[in-house]
Amino acid sequence: MTDFFPGFDSVTSTVDGVELFARVGGPADGAAVVLLHGFPQSHLCWHMVAPTLATRFRVVCLDLKGYGRSQAAPGDPEHVGYSKRTMAAEVVAFMAALGHDRFSVVGHDRGALVGYRLALDTPEAVDALVICDNYPTPVIWDNMAVDPNFTPHWRVFAAEGTDAEDAMAPDLLEKLVAAHTASGTVDELGDDVMNEYRSDWRDPARILAYCEDYRAGAGIDPQLDRADLAAGRAVTCPALVIWGEAFLGKAPEATVDVWRRTFAPHIVGVEVPGGHFNPEESPAETTAALMDFLSDHAGTPAS
């Protein structure tokens, strides 16, 4: 098997009965940074970014529950187990098990949803937050309400029953990934990494976990978010949003403005080339943006 993170350790920890997996590298006394992948990927999406970050920071490339090498736990009728609040709490517990009570969070796609929920629920644990190419969950559903062509797969994957699982057939997932790149192909992601993703996509337990993730994203997640928006809650730590020129960069409202009017009034933004998959389509530019931001805002090194 290809080692995509040479010099990194493989680490597991059981959180609330679920075994989570991460690759961990960088100086042991460096400020901790956890990298959270998106759908339908795994920690592997960071393989072109993490090594440079690890020259300065203690980097934790974590597989969220149900993804990559982390356990695919069963769902529940209310989908609480795959809510972003629950998954965020699992990240906090995993990092604490590694000895990091405070850390910075970088999340892409679904990982971004976990990231901002983490910053809202446990601000005492978060030094800085980076969102990569996503909107807050209520904004996505508000856009879908007026534009049926806006992320239609969210509704499909959130459906109850086997229709959602059938829609996650490996060939259809690959087409979905390709449609979110600037080139319309998966070439930038690389054959070796794509083969790892394809292996995950053939696992029924992971497909069910993906659906549970989306079902939470259609129910409990926006409910919690809308309650927080109504209460005026906001991200208080330094925050950065990165987006792809050929994806969210084409939207009528600037991505940084979306976040400023919702959860992150003081967020700053960086546009990078490429489509949705910033760490893989634009690794150099994404890494540079992260290094600049985290160098200013990552916290005190662990003692």
C-alpha atoms as a PDB file:
ATOM      1  CA  MET A   1       0.000   0.000   0.000  1.00  0.00           C
ATOM      2  CA  THR A   2       1.282   3.460  -0.908  1.00  0.00           C
ATOM      3  CA  ASP A   3       2.310   5.548   2.093  1.00  0.00           C
ATOM      4  CA  PHE A   4       0.831   8.943   1.305  1.00  0.00           C
ATOM      5  CA  PHE A   5       2.184  10.480   4.533  1.00  0.00           C
ATOM      6  CA  PRO A   6       5.828   9.433   4.914  1.00  0.00           C
ATOM      7  CA  GLY A   7       7.146  10.199   8.374  1.00  0.00           C
ATOM      8  CA  PHE A   8       3.639  10.341   9.855  1.00  0.00           C
ATOM      9  CA  ASP A   9       2.434   7.900  12.508  1.00  0.00           C
ATOM     10  CA  SER A  10      -0.814   5.932  12.291  1.00  0.00           C
ATOM     11  CA  VAL A  11      -2.906   6.570  15.397  1.00  0.00           C
ATOM     12  CA  THR A  12      -6.230   5.153  16.577  1.00  0.00           C
ATOM     13  CA  SER A  13      -8.375   6.112  19.544  1.00  0.00           C
ATOM     14  CA  THR A  14     -11.788   4.916  20.651  1.00  0.00           C
ATOM     15  CA  VAL A  15     -14.282   7.703  21.259  1.00  0.00           C
ATOM     16  CA  ASP A  16     -17.733   6.789  22.632  1.00  0.00           C
ATOM     17  CA  GLY A  17     -17.250   3.231  21.450  1.00  0.00           C
ATOM     18  CA  VAL A  18     -16.170   4.205  17.915  1.00  0.00           C
ATOM     19  CA  GLU A  19     -12.595   3.691  16.764  1.00  0.00           C
ATOM     20  CA  LEU A  20     -11.227   6.711  14.891  1.00  0.00           C
ATOM     21  CA  PHE A  21      -8.068   6.763  12.769  1.00  0.00           C
ATOM     22  CA  ALA A  22      -5.588   9.513  11.940  1.00  0.00           C
ATOM     23  CA  ARG A  23      -2.163  10.082  10.454  1.00  0.00           C
ATOM     24  CA  VAL A  24      -0.118  12.316  12.757  1.00  0.00           C
ATOM     25  CA  GLY A  25       3.128  14.097  11.950  1.00  0.00           C
ATOM     26  CA  GLY A  26       5.221  17.160  12.600  1.00  0.00           C
ATOM     27  CA  PRO A  27       7.123  18.381  15.665  1.00  0.00           C
ATOM     28  CA  ALA A  28       5.750  16.971  18.906  1.00  0.00           C
ATOM     29  CA  ASP A  29       5.921  20.431  20.486  1.00  0.00           C
ATOM     30  CA  GLY A  30       4.309  22.180  17.528  1.00  0.00           C
ATOM     31  CA  ALA A  31       0.914  23.875  17.688  1.00  0.00           C
ATOM     32  CA  ALA A  32      -1.731  21.273  16.884  1.00  0.00           C
ATOM     33  CA  VAL A  33      -3.771  21.467  13.662  1.00  0.00           C
ATOM     34  CA  VAL A  34      -6.461  18.913  12.809  1.00  0.00           C
ATOM     35  CA  LEU A  35      -7.371  18.465   9.129  1.00  0.00           C
ATOM     36  CA  LEU A  36     -10.911  17.231   8.395  1.00  0.00           C
ATOM     37  CA  HIS A  37     -11.760  15.843   4.956  1.00  0.00           C
ATOM     38  CA  GLY A  38     -14.983  16.075   3.007  1.00  0.00           C
ATOM     39  CA  PHE A  39     -17.400  13.708   1.251  1.00  0.00           C
ATOM     40  CA  PRO A  40     -16.844  11.170  -0.243  1.00  0.00           C
ATOM     41  CA  GLN A  41     -13.187  11.188   0.673  1.00  0.00           C
ATOM     42  CA  SER A  42     -10.932  10.540   3.659  1.00  0.00           C
ATOM     43  CA  HIS A  43      -7.796  11.912   5.321  1.00  0.00           C
ATOM     44  CA  LEU A  44      -5.992  11.108   2.048  1.00  0.00           C
ATOM     45  CA  CYS A  45      -7.263  14.347   0.508  1.00  0.00           C
ATOM     46  CA  TRP A  46      -4.574  16.178   2.527  1.00  0.00           C
ATOM     47  CA  HIS A  47      -1.589  14.181   1.310  1.00  0.00           C
ATOM     48  CA  MET A  48      -0.227  17.058  -0.807  1.00  0.00           C
ATOM     49  CA  VAL A  49      -0.809  19.657   1.937  1.00  0.00           C
ATOM     50  CA  ALA A  50      -0.006  17.965   5.246  1.00  0.00           C
ATOM     51  CA  PRO A  51       3.751  17.371   4.744  1.00  0.00           C
ATOM     52  CA  THR A  52       4.460  21.095   4.356  1.00  0.00           C
ATOM     53  CA  LEU A  53       2.242  22.003   7.300  1.00  0.00           C
ATOM     54  CA  ALA A  54       4.088  19.389   9.347  1.00  0.00           C
ATOM     55  CA  THR A  55       7.365  21.268   8.944  1.00  0.00           C
ATOM     56  CA  ARG A  56       5.986  23.702  11.522  1.00  0.00           C
ATOM     57  CA  PHE A  57       2.828  22.272  13.119  1.00  0.00           C
ATOM     58  CA  ARG A  58       1.716  19.056  14.776  1.00  0.00           C
ATOM     59  CA  VAL A  59      -0.645  17.869  12.050  1.00  0.00           C
ATOM     60  CA  VAL A  60      -3.491  15.410  12.646  1.00  0.00           C
ATOM     61  CA  CYS A  61      -5.187  14.122   9.475  1.00  0.00           C
ATOM     62  CA  LEU A  62      -8.320  12.536  10.928  1.00  0.00           C
ATOM     63  CA  ASP A  63     -10.858  10.242   9.298  1.00  0.00           C
ATOM     64  CA  LEU A  64     -14.317  11.274  10.459  1.00  0.00           C
ATOM     65  CA  LYS A  65     -16.608   8.534  11.733  1.00  0.00           C
ATOM     66  CA  GLY A  66     -17.761   6.358   8.839  1.00  0.00           C
ATOM     67  CA  TYR A  67     -15.010   7.512   6.496  1.00  0.00           C
ATOM     68  CA  GLY A  68     -11.618   6.125   5.481  1.00  0.00           C
ATOM     69  CA  ARG A  69     -10.152   3.891   8.181  1.00  0.00           C
ATOM     70  CA  SER A  70     -12.406   5.094  10.997  1.00  0.00           C
ATOM     71  CA  GLN A  71     -15.210   2.846  12.140  1.00  0.00           C
ATOM     72  CA  ALA A  72     -18.553   3.108  10.382  1.00  0.00           C
ATOM     73  CA  ALA A  73     -20.908   3.167  13.341  1.00  0.00           C
ATOM     74  CA  PRO A  74     -24.603   2.367  12.857  1.00  0.00           C
ATOM     75  CA  GLY A  75     -27.092   5.192  12.580  1.00  0.00           C
ATOM     76  CA  ASP A  76     -30.089   6.065  14.735  1.00  0.00           C
ATOM     77  CA  PRO A  77     -33.662   7.143  13.920  1.00  0.00           C
ATOM     78  CA  GLU A  78     -32.975  10.833  14.592  1.00  0.00           C
ATOM     79  CA  HIS A  79     -29.488  10.702  12.976  1.00  0.00           C
ATOM     80  CA  VAL A  80     -27.984  12.301  16.065  1.00  0.00           C
ATOM     81  CA  GLY A  81     -24.939  10.048  15.886  1.00  0.00           C
ATOM     82  CA  TYR A  82     -23.899  11.573  12.571  1.00  0.00           C
ATOM     83  CA  SER A  83     -24.894  15.124  13.440  1.00  0.00           C
ATOM     84  CA  LYS A  84     -22.110  17.625  13.098  1.00  0.00           C
ATOM     85  CA  ARG A  85     -22.445  18.418  16.792  1.00  0.00           C
ATOM     86  CA  THR A  86     -21.727  14.780  17.685  1.00  0.00           C
ATOM     87  CA  MET A  87     -18.927  14.453  15.145  1.00  0.00           C
ATOM     88  CA  ALA A  88     -17.375  17.708  16.362  1.00  0.00           C
ATOM     89  CA  ALA A  89     -17.423  16.426  19.942  1.00  0.00           C
ATOM     90  CA  GLU A  90     -15.682  13.271  18.718  1.00  0.00           C
ATOM     91  CA  VAL A  91     -12.917  15.381  17.173  1.00  0.00           C
ATOM     92  CA  VAL A  92     -12.441  17.228  20.465  1.00  0.00           C
ATOM     93  CA  ALA A  93     -12.237  13.933  22.358  1.00  0.00           C
ATOM     94  CA  PHE A  94      -9.791  12.450  19.843  1.00  0.00           C
ATOM     95  CA  MET A  95      -7.522  15.475  20.054  1.00  0.00           C
ATOM     96  CA  ALA A  96      -7.679  15.435  23.853  1.00  0.00           C
ATOM     97  CA  ALA A  97      -6.603  11.783  23.787  1.00  0.00           C
ATOM     98  CA  LEU A  98      -3.530  12.916  21.852  1.00  0.00           C
ATOM     99  CA  GLY A  99      -2.830  15.549  24.498  1.00  0.00           C
ATOM    100  CA  HIS A 100      -4.219  18.572  22.644  1.00  0.00           C
ATOM    101  CA  ASP A 101      -6.860  20.496  24.580  1.00  0.00           C
ATOM    102  CA  ARG A 102      -6.512  23.411  22.144  1.00  0.00           C
ATOM    103  CA  PHE A 103      -5.894  23.207  18.416  1.00  0.00           C
ATOM    104  CA  SER A 104      -6.679  24.766  15.077  1.00  0.00           C
ATOM    105  CA  VAL A 105      -9.253  23.209  12.736  1.00  0.00           C
ATOM    106  CA  VAL A 106      -9.095  23.011   8.942  1.00  0.00           C
ATOM    107  CA  GLY A 107     -12.140  21.435   7.302  1.00  0.00           C
ATOM    108  CA  HIS A 108     -13.013  20.788   3.676  1.00  0.00           C
ATOM    109  CA  ASP A 109     -16.599  20.197   2.506  1.00  0.00           C
ATOM    110  CA  ARG A 110     -18.326  18.035   5.169  1.00  0.00           C
ATOM    111  CA  GLY A 111     -15.268  18.530   7.349  1.00  0.00           C
ATOM    112  CA  ALA A 112     -15.934  22.263   7.166  1.00  0.00           C
ATOM    113  CA  LEU A 113     -19.424  21.669   8.557  1.00  0.00           C
ATOM    114  CA  VAL A 114     -17.923  19.740  11.459  1.00  0.00           C
ATOM    115  CA  GLY A 115     -15.314  22.463  11.863  1.00  0.00           C
ATOM    116  CA  TYR A 116     -17.626  25.414  12.326  1.00  0.00           C
ATOM    117  CA  ARG A 117     -19.906  23.416  14.602  1.00  0.00           C
ATOM    118  CA  LEU A 118     -16.826  22.591  16.685  1.00  0.00           C
ATOM    119  CA  ALA A 119     -15.889  26.274  16.866  1.00  0.00           C
ATOM    120  CA  LEU A 120     -19.431  27.205  17.927  1.00  0.00           C
ATOM    121  CA  ASP A 121     -19.875  24.448  20.529  1.00  0.00           C
ATOM    122  CA  THR A 122     -16.383  24.352  22.052  1.00  0.00           C
ATOM    123  CA  PRO A 123     -14.737  27.743  21.434  1.00  0.00           C
ATOM    124  CA  GLU A 124     -12.407  27.104  24.342  1.00  0.00           C
ATOM    125  CA  ALA A 125     -10.762  24.310  22.298  1.00  0.00           C
ATOM    126  CA  VAL A 126     -10.255  26.159  19.008  1.00  0.00           C
ATOM    127  CA  ASP A 127      -7.385  28.529  18.283  1.00  0.00           C
ATOM    128  CA  ALA A 128      -8.319  29.145  14.640  1.00  0.00           C
ATOM    129  CA  LEU A 129     -10.785  27.852  12.047  1.00  0.00           C
ATOM    130  CA  VAL A 130     -10.339  27.341   8.313  1.00  0.00           C
ATOM    131  CA  ILE A 131     -13.299  26.541   6.079  1.00  0.00           C
ATOM    132  CA  CYS A 132     -12.506  25.065   2.656  1.00  0.00           C
ATOM    133  CA  ASP A 133     -15.137  25.441  -0.070  1.00  0.00           C
ATOM    134  CA  ASN A 134     -18.457  25.163   1.692  1.00  0.00           C
ATOM    135  CA  TYR A 135     -21.358  27.201   3.034  1.00  0.00           C
ATOM    136  CA  PRO A 136     -23.202  26.921   6.352  1.00  0.00           C
ATOM    137  CA  THR A 137     -25.820  24.180   6.176  1.00  0.00           C
ATOM    138  CA  PRO A 138     -28.867  26.531   6.377  1.00  0.00           C
ATOM    139  CA  VAL A 139     -27.547  28.546   3.428  1.00  0.00           C
ATOM    140  CA  ILE A 140     -27.345  25.385   1.339  1.00  0.00           C
ATOM    141  CA  TRP A 141     -30.945  24.459   2.122  1.00  0.00           C
ATOM    142  CA  ASP A 142     -32.122  28.044   1.545  1.00  0.00           C
ATOM    143  CA  ASN A 143     -30.474  27.981  -1.875  1.00  0.00           C
ATOM    144  CA  MET A 144     -32.033  24.613  -2.693  1.00  0.00           C
ATOM    145  CA  ALA A 145     -35.458  26.003  -1.811  1.00  0.00           C
ATOM    146  CA  VAL A 146     -35.242  28.540  -4.638  1.00  0.00           C
ATOM    147  CA  ASP A 147     -32.995  26.677  -7.096  1.00  0.00           C
ATOM    148  CA  PRO A 148     -33.700  22.953  -7.702  1.00  0.00           C
ATOM    149  CA  ASN A 149     -30.364  22.631  -9.503  1.00  0.00           C
ATOM    150  CA  PHE A 150     -28.359  23.718  -6.447  1.00  0.00           C
ATOM    151  CA  THR A 151     -26.642  20.652  -4.916  1.00  0.00           C
ATOM    152  CA  PRO A 152     -29.543  18.274  -5.742  1.00  0.00           C
ATOM    153  CA  HIS A 153     -27.538  15.321  -4.412  1.00  0.00           C
ATOM    154  CA  TRP A 154     -28.102  16.608  -0.876  1.00  0.00           C
ATOM    155  CA  ARG A 155     -31.794  15.674  -1.095  1.00  0.00           C
ATOM    156  CA  VAL A 156     -31.088  12.374  -2.834  1.00  0.00           C
ATOM    157  CA  PHE A 157     -28.514  11.234  -0.290  1.00  0.00           C
ATOM    158  CA  ALA A 158     -30.602  12.383   2.681  1.00  0.00           C
ATOM    159  CA  ALA A 159     -33.646  10.322   1.687  1.00  0.00           C
ATOM    160  CA  GLU A 160     -34.732   7.598   4.072  1.00  0.00           C
ATOM    161  CA  GLY A 161     -34.497   4.027   2.826  1.00  0.00           C
ATOM    162  CA  THR A 162     -32.454   2.244   0.209  1.00  0.00           C
ATOM    163  CA  ASP A 163     -32.930   4.797  -2.584  1.00  0.00           C
ATOM    164  CA  ALA A 164     -30.259   7.001  -1.031  1.00  0.00           C
ATOM    165  CA  GLU A 165     -27.847   4.108  -0.664  1.00  0.00           C
ATOM    166  CA  ASP A 166     -28.503   2.994  -4.246  1.00  0.00           C
ATOM    167  CA  ALA A 167     -27.690   6.519  -5.437  1.00  0.00           C
ATOM    168  CA  MET A 168     -24.218   6.146  -3.915  1.00  0.00           C
ATOM    169  CA  ALA A 169     -23.106   3.466  -6.325  1.00  0.00           C
ATOM    170  CA  PRO A 170     -19.339   3.752  -6.948  1.00  0.00           C
ATOM    171  CA  ASP A 171     -19.682   4.871 -10.569  1.00  0.00           C
ATOM    172  CA  LEU A 172     -22.196   7.558  -9.612  1.00  0.00           C
ATOM    173  CA  LEU A 173     -19.979   8.829  -6.803  1.00  0.00           C
ATOM    174  CA  GLU A 174     -17.073   9.074  -9.208  1.00  0.00           C
ATOM    175  CA  LYS A 175     -19.192  11.092 -11.641  1.00  0.00           C
ATOM    176  CA  LEU A 176     -20.229  13.385  -8.778  1.00  0.00           C
ATOM    177  CA  VAL A 177     -16.619  13.986  -7.777  1.00  0.00           C
ATOM    178  CA  ALA A 178     -15.625  14.680 -11.382  1.00  0.00           C
ATOM    179  CA  ALA A 179     -18.481  17.159 -11.768  1.00  0.00           C
ATOM    180  CA  HIS A 180     -17.087  19.197  -8.866  1.00  0.00           C
ATOM    181  CA  THR A 181     -13.603  19.639 -10.348  1.00  0.00           C
ATOM    182  CA  ALA A 182     -12.584  22.391 -12.736  1.00  0.00           C
ATOM    183  CA  SER A 183     -11.539  19.863 -15.382  1.00  0.00           C
ATOM    184  CA  GLY A 184     -14.629  17.684 -15.106  1.00  0.00           C
ATOM    185  CA  THR A 185     -12.367  14.694 -14.398  1.00  0.00           C
ATOM    186  CA  VAL A 186     -10.792  13.044 -11.371  1.00  0.00           C
ATOM    187  CA  ASP A 187      -7.298  13.304 -12.851  1.00  0.00           C
ATOM    188  CA  GLU A 188      -6.027  15.854 -10.318  1.00  0.00           C
ATOM    189  CA  LEU A 189      -6.892  13.554  -7.429  1.00  0.00           C
ATOM    190  CA  GLY A 190      -4.451  10.889  -8.670  1.00  0.00           C
ATOM    191  CA  ASP A 191      -4.968   7.219  -9.491  1.00  0.00           C
ATOM    192  CA  ASP A 192      -3.596   5.846  -6.215  1.00  0.00           C
ATOM    193  CA  VAL A 193      -5.778   8.053  -4.037  1.00  0.00           C
ATOM    194  CA  MET A 194      -8.830   7.468  -6.235  1.00  0.00           C
ATOM    195  CA  ASN A 195      -8.355   3.719  -5.880  1.00  0.00           C
ATOM    196  CA  GLU A 196      -8.448   4.109  -2.097  1.00  0.00           C
ATOM    197  CA  TYR A 197     -11.646   6.151  -2.360  1.00  0.00           C
ATOM    198  CA  ARG A 198     -13.178   3.579  -4.719  1.00  0.00           C
ATOM    199  CA  SER A 199     -12.462   0.851  -2.203  1.00  0.00           C
ATOM    200  CA  ASP A 200     -14.369   2.793   0.452  1.00  0.00           C
ATOM    201  CA  TRP A 201     -17.269   3.340  -1.961  1.00  0.00           C
ATOM    202  CA  ARG A 202     -17.706  -0.429  -2.331  1.00  0.00           C
ATOM    203  CA  ASP A 203     -18.214  -0.884   1.432  1.00  0.00           C
ATOM    204  CA  PRO A 204     -21.949  -0.999   2.324  1.00  0.00           C
ATOM    205  CA  ALA A 205     -21.222   0.058   5.917  1.00  0.00           C
ATOM    206  CA  ARG A 206     -19.515   3.230   4.681  1.00  0.00           C
ATOM    207  CA  ILE A 207     -22.288   3.972   2.205  1.00  0.00           C
ATOM    208  CA  LEU A 208     -24.804   3.762   5.049  1.00  0.00           C
ATOM    209  CA  ALA A 209     -22.601   6.085   7.125  1.00  0.00           C
ATOM    210  CA  TYR A 210     -22.464   8.591   4.260  1.00  0.00           C
ATOM    211  CA  CYS A 211     -26.262   8.551   4.038  1.00  0.00           C
ATOM    212  CA  GLU A 212     -26.566   9.036   7.793  1.00  0.00           C
ATOM    213  CA  ASP A 213     -24.221  12.017   7.485  1.00  0.00           C
ATOM    214  CA  TYR A 214     -26.503  13.564   4.849  1.00  0.00           C
ATOM    215  CA  ARG A 215     -29.669  12.700   6.759  1.00  0.00           C
ATOM    216  CA  ALA A 216     -28.287  14.559   9.753  1.00  0.00           C
ATOM    217  CA  GLY A 217     -27.491  17.376   7.336  1.00  0.00           C
ATOM    218  CA  ALA A 218     -31.143  17.564   6.358  1.00  0.00           C
ATOM    219  CA  GLY A 219     -32.574  17.478   9.871  1.00  0.00           C
ATOM    220  CA  ILE A 220     -30.742  18.033  13.125  1.00  0.00           C
ATOM    221  CA  ASP A 221     -27.828  20.007  11.645  1.00  0.00           C
ATOM    222  CA  PRO A 222     -29.834  22.878  10.128  1.00  0.00           C
ATOM    223  CA  GLN A 223     -32.114  22.871  13.169  1.00  0.00           C
ATOM    224  CA  LEU A 224     -29.168  23.495  15.469  1.00  0.00           C
ATOM    225  CA  ASP A 225     -27.665  26.044  13.093  1.00  0.00           C
ATOM    226  CA  ARG A 226     -30.862  28.045  12.707  1.00  0.00           C
ATOM    227  CA  ALA A 227     -31.297  28.144  16.469  1.00  0.00           C
ATOM    228  CA  ASP A 228     -27.762  29.477  16.831  1.00  0.00           C
ATOM    229  CA  LEU A 229     -28.274  32.062  14.104  1.00  0.00           C
ATOM    230  CA  ALA A 230     -31.464  33.238  15.811  1.00  0.00           C
ATOM    231  CA  ALA A 231     -29.561  33.524  19.092  1.00  0.00           C
ATOM    232  CA  GLY A 232     -26.779  35.519  17.440  1.00  0.00           C
ATOM    233  CA  ARG A 233     -24.063  32.955  18.151  1.00  0.00           C
ATOM    234  CA  ALA A 234     -20.912  33.327  16.071  1.00  0.00           C
ATOM    235  CA  VAL A 235     -17.408  31.969  15.623  1.00  0.00           C
ATOM    236  CA  THR A 236     -15.141  33.990  17.889  1.00  0.00           C
ATOM    237  CA  CYS A 237     -11.717  32.643  16.931  1.00  0.00           C
ATOM    238  CA  PRO A 238      -9.728  33.882  13.901  1.00  0.00           C
ATOM    239  CA  ALA A 239     -11.268  32.372  10.779  1.00  0.00           C
ATOM    240  CA  LEU A 240     -10.372  31.932   7.115  1.00  0.00           C
ATOM    241  CA  VAL A 241     -12.435  30.630   4.206  1.00  0.00           C
ATOM    242  CA  ILE A 242     -10.775  29.225   1.078  1.00  0.00           C
ATOM    243  CA  TRP A 243     -12.755  28.547  -2.080  1.00  0.00           C
ATOM    244  CA  GLY A 244     -12.151  27.389  -5.631  1.00  0.00           C
ATOM    245  CA  GLU A 245     -12.388  29.941  -8.428  1.00  0.00           C
ATOM    246  CA  ALA A 246     -14.199  27.460 -10.680  1.00  0.00           C
ATOM    247  CA  PHE A 247     -16.686  26.338  -8.000  1.00  0.00           C
ATOM    248  CA  LEU A 248     -17.917  28.682  -5.250  1.00  0.00           C
ATOM    249  CA  GLY A 249     -16.022  31.439  -7.026  1.00  0.00           C
ATOM    250  CA  LYS A 250     -18.767  31.387  -9.667  1.00  0.00           C
ATOM    251  CA  ALA A 251     -21.581  31.963  -7.175  1.00  0.00           C
ATOM    252  CA  PRO A 252     -23.428  35.310  -7.263  1.00  0.00           C
ATOM    253  CA  GLU A 253     -22.585  36.055  -3.619  1.00  0.00           C
ATOM    254  CA  ALA A 254     -18.961  36.105  -2.543  1.00  0.00           C
ATOM    255  CA  THR A 255     -18.156  33.154  -0.283  1.00  0.00           C
ATOM    256  CA  VAL A 256     -16.560  35.369   2.347  1.00  0.00           C
ATOM    257  CA  ASP A 257     -19.744  37.482   2.466  1.00  0.00           C
ATOM    258  CA  VAL A 258     -21.893  34.370   3.014  1.00  0.00           C
ATOM    259  CA  TRP A 259     -19.884  33.520   6.108  1.00  0.00           C
ATOM    260  CA  ARG A 260     -19.764  37.109   7.368  1.00  0.00           C
ATOM    261  CA  ARG A 261     -23.554  37.410   7.343  1.00  0.00           C
ATOM    262  CA  THR A 262     -24.020  34.085   9.126  1.00  0.00           C
ATOM    263  CA  PHE A 263     -21.541  32.573  11.575  1.00  0.00           C
ATOM    264  CA  ALA A 264     -18.232  34.368  11.077  1.00  0.00           C
ATOM    265  CA  PRO A 265     -18.529  38.167  10.944  1.00  0.00           C
ATOM    266  CA  HIS A 266     -14.757  38.703  10.989  1.00  0.00           C
ATOM    267  CA  ILE A 267     -13.684  35.938   8.624  1.00  0.00           C
ATOM    268  CA  VAL A 268     -11.145  36.604   5.863  1.00  0.00           C
ATOM    269  CA  GLY A 269     -11.080  34.872   2.494  1.00  0.00           C
ATOM    270  CA  VAL A 270      -8.727  33.490  -0.138  1.00  0.00           C
ATOM    271  CA  GLU A 271      -9.697  32.290  -3.612  1.00  0.00           C
ATOM    272  CA  VAL A 272      -7.538  29.566  -5.173  1.00  0.00           C
ATOM    273  CA  PRO A 273      -7.554  28.130  -8.705  1.00  0.00           C
ATOM    274  CA  GLY A 274      -9.517  25.020  -9.528  1.00  0.00           C
ATOM    275  CA  GLY A 275     -12.841  23.618  -8.456  1.00  0.00           C
ATOM    276  CA  HIS A 276     -14.225  22.229  -5.219  1.00  0.00           C
ATOM    277  CA  PHE A 277     -11.335  19.987  -4.160  1.00  0.00           C
ATOM    278  CA  ASN A 278      -8.865  22.673  -3.079  1.00  0.00           C
ATOM    279  CA  PRO A 279      -6.288  20.443  -1.339  1.00  0.00           C
ATOM    280  CA  GLU A 280      -5.947  18.257  -4.436  1.00  0.00           C
ATOM    281  CA  GLU A 281      -6.685  20.595  -7.350  1.00  0.00           C
ATOM    282  CA  SER A 282      -4.671  23.525  -5.961  1.00  0.00           C
ATOM    283  CA  PRO A 283      -2.356  22.047  -3.336  1.00  0.00           C
ATOM    284  CA  ALA A 284       0.363  24.700  -3.596  1.00  0.00           C
ATOM    285  CA  GLU A 285      -2.023  27.630  -3.302  1.00  0.00           C
ATOM    286  CA  THR A 286      -4.069  25.967  -0.553  1.00  0.00           C
ATOM    287  CA  THR A 287      -0.940  25.112   1.421  1.00  0.00           C
ATOM    288  CA  ALA A 288       0.387  28.666   1.086  1.00  0.00           C
ATOM    289  CA  ALA A 289      -2.901  30.129   2.349  1.00  0.00           C
ATOM    290  CA  LEU A 290      -2.925  27.732   5.303  1.00  0.00           C
ATOM    291  CA  MET A 291       0.698  28.364   6.209  1.00  0.00           C
ATOM    292  CA  ASP A 292       0.192  32.138   6.138  1.00  0.00           C
ATOM    293  CA  PHE A 293      -2.963  32.034   8.250  1.00  0.00           C
ATOM    294  CA  LEU A 294      -1.908  29.379  10.739  1.00  0.00           C
ATOM    295  CA  SER A 295       1.507  30.954  11.240  1.00  0.00           C
ATOM    296  CA  ASP A 296      -0.316  34.018  12.556  1.00  0.00           C
ATOM    297  CA  HIS A 297      -3.060  32.288  14.529  1.00  0.00           C
ATOM    298  CA  ALA A 298      -2.196  28.708  15.538  1.00  0.00           C
ATOM    299  CA  GLY A 299      -1.962  28.416  19.287  1.00  0.00           C
ATOM    300  CA  THR A 300       0.682  27.836  21.868  1.00  0.00           C
ATOM    301  CA  PRO A 301       2.598  24.592  21.291  1.00  0.00           C
ATOM    302  CA  ALA A 302       1.553  21.690  23.451  1.00  0.00           C
ATOM    303  CA  SER A 303       3.597  21.311  26.631  1.00  0.00           C
END
